[in-house]
């Protein structure tokens, strides 16, 4: 069955960096766009970044443009989210999602605080 497992979250000070990973299994990874979402406390889940099957087309939420980079390794079936210049408002649970399908990982917590 479809499995998405996120890792790499943690606690970081403002201005710091983290790299999230999402390891996929149970489906043809190369055939699907992949997405990262996040959910801050008390807020709705929002899309952060998307990447197409080739890895060439990437889209970002305005709030993270220029700071976050999404990438993928089709051979390893992993999608990454490099997060730089982190801000307190980036705090939340980050989820990996299988394209437009309703399959999600369990999430990984990112906390940005001084």
Protein backbone atom coordinates (compact mmCIF):
# COMPACT_ATOMS: atom_id res chain seq x y z
CA UNK A 1 0.00 0.00 0.00
CA UNK A 2 1.01 3.63 -0.35
CA UNK A 3 3.38 4.79 2.35
CA UNK A 4 4.92 8.23 2.81
CA UNK A 5 7.35 8.69 5.69
CA UNK A 6 8.63 12.15 6.54
CA UNK A 7 11.78 12.84 8.52
CA UNK A 8 14.19 15.68 9.26
CA UNK A 9 12.06 17.97 11.37
CA UNK A 10 13.30 19.52 14.57
CA UNK A 11 13.93 22.67 16.53
CA UNK A 12 15.91 25.49 14.93
CA UNK A 13 16.58 29.14 15.64
CA UNK A 14 15.37 31.86 13.26
CA UNK A 15 17.64 32.09 10.25
CA UNK A 16 18.56 28.43 10.47
CA UNK A 17 18.04 25.61 8.01
CA UNK A 18 16.49 22.16 7.94
CA UNK A 19 16.13 19.56 5.23
CA UNK A 20 13.04 17.38 5.24
CA UNK A 21 12.81 14.04 3.48
CA UNK A 22 9.80 12.02 2.43
CA UNK A 23 10.46 8.39 1.55
CA UNK A 24 7.79 6.82 -0.65
CA UNK A 25 6.78 3.24 -1.28
CA UNK A 26 3.83 1.24 -2.60
CA UNK A 27 3.31 3.15 -5.85
CA UNK A 28 5.12 4.17 -9.02
CA UNK A 29 6.92 7.20 -7.62
CA UNK A 30 8.16 8.37 -11.02
CA UNK A 31 4.58 8.77 -12.25
CA UNK A 32 3.36 11.29 -9.70
CA UNK A 33 3.82 14.91 -8.78
CA UNK A 34 4.70 15.29 -5.12
CA UNK A 35 3.76 18.02 -2.68
CA UNK A 36 4.75 19.38 0.70
CA UNK A 37 2.12 20.90 2.98
CA UNK A 38 2.30 22.35 6.45
CA UNK A 39 -0.12 23.05 9.25
CA UNK A 40 0.57 25.66 11.88
CA UNK A 41 -1.14 25.52 15.28
CA UNK A 42 -4.72 26.74 14.96
CA UNK A 43 -4.49 27.16 11.20
CA UNK A 44 -5.57 25.19 8.16
CA UNK A 45 -3.17 23.00 6.28
CA UNK A 46 -1.54 24.88 3.41
CA UNK A 47 0.47 23.81 0.38
CA UNK A 48 4.12 24.80 0.58
CA UNK A 49 5.72 23.38 -2.55
CA UNK A 50 5.06 21.03 -5.44
CA UNK A 51 7.31 19.23 -7.91
CA UNK A 52 6.43 17.48 -11.16
CA UNK A 53 7.48 13.97 -12.15
CA UNK A 54 10.66 15.16 -13.89
CA UNK A 55 11.77 17.44 -11.08
CA UNK A 56 12.02 20.37 -13.47
CA UNK A 57 8.77 22.16 -12.68
CA UNK A 58 8.48 23.45 -9.12
CA UNK A 59 5.94 25.75 -7.53
CA UNK A 60 6.05 27.44 -4.14
CA UNK A 61 3.77 29.30 -1.81
CA UNK A 62 4.58 33.01 -1.85
CA UNK A 63 5.54 32.83 1.82
CA UNK A 64 8.46 30.47 1.14
CA UNK A 65 9.67 31.55 -2.31
CA UNK A 66 13.39 32.19 -2.34
CA UNK A 67 13.89 30.32 0.95
CA UNK A 68 12.64 26.76 0.34
CA UNK A 69 13.71 24.34 -2.37
CA UNK A 70 11.83 21.19 -3.29
CA UNK A 71 13.62 18.37 -5.09
CA UNK A 72 13.25 14.67 -5.74
CA UNK A 73 15.35 11.59 -6.33
CA UNK A 74 13.31 9.20 -8.46
CA UNK A 75 15.85 6.42 -8.05
CA UNK A 76 15.59 6.53 -4.26
CA UNK A 77 11.87 7.47 -4.24
CA UNK A 78 12.48 10.44 -1.98
CA UNK A 79 11.21 14.01 -2.15
CA UNK A 80 13.08 16.66 -0.22
CA UNK A 81 12.31 20.10 1.15
CA UNK A 82 15.36 22.24 1.88
CA UNK A 83 14.28 25.06 4.17
CA UNK A 84 16.59 28.03 4.60
CA UNK A 85 16.33 31.31 6.49
CA UNK A 86 13.62 29.83 8.67
CA UNK A 87 11.20 32.14 10.45
CA UNK A 88 8.97 31.56 13.49
CA UNK A 89 5.96 31.59 11.17
CA UNK A 90 7.36 28.50 9.44
CA UNK A 91 6.60 26.52 12.59
CA UNK A 92 4.19 23.65 12.06
CA UNK A 93 3.79 20.05 11.09
CA UNK A 94 5.07 19.36 7.59
CA UNK A 95 3.40 16.70 5.50
CA UNK A 96 4.27 14.96 2.28
CA UNK A 97 1.42 14.26 -0.15
CA UNK A 98 1.11 12.08 -3.19
CA UNK A 99 0.18 14.58 -5.90
CA UNK A 100 -3.56 15.17 -6.09
CA UNK A 101 -4.31 11.84 -4.43
CA UNK A 102 -5.50 11.67 -0.83
CA UNK A 103 -2.41 9.97 0.55
CA UNK A 104 -0.42 11.72 3.26
CA UNK A 105 2.52 10.99 5.47
CA UNK A 106 2.30 11.17 9.24
CA UNK A 107 4.04 14.55 9.35
CA UNK A 108 7.20 15.88 10.92
CA UNK A 109 7.30 18.77 13.39
CA UNK A 110 9.31 21.90 12.60
CA UNK A 111 9.71 24.48 15.34
CA UNK A 112 11.46 27.79 14.71
CA UNK A 113 12.08 29.79 17.84
CA UNK A 114 14.76 31.74 19.64
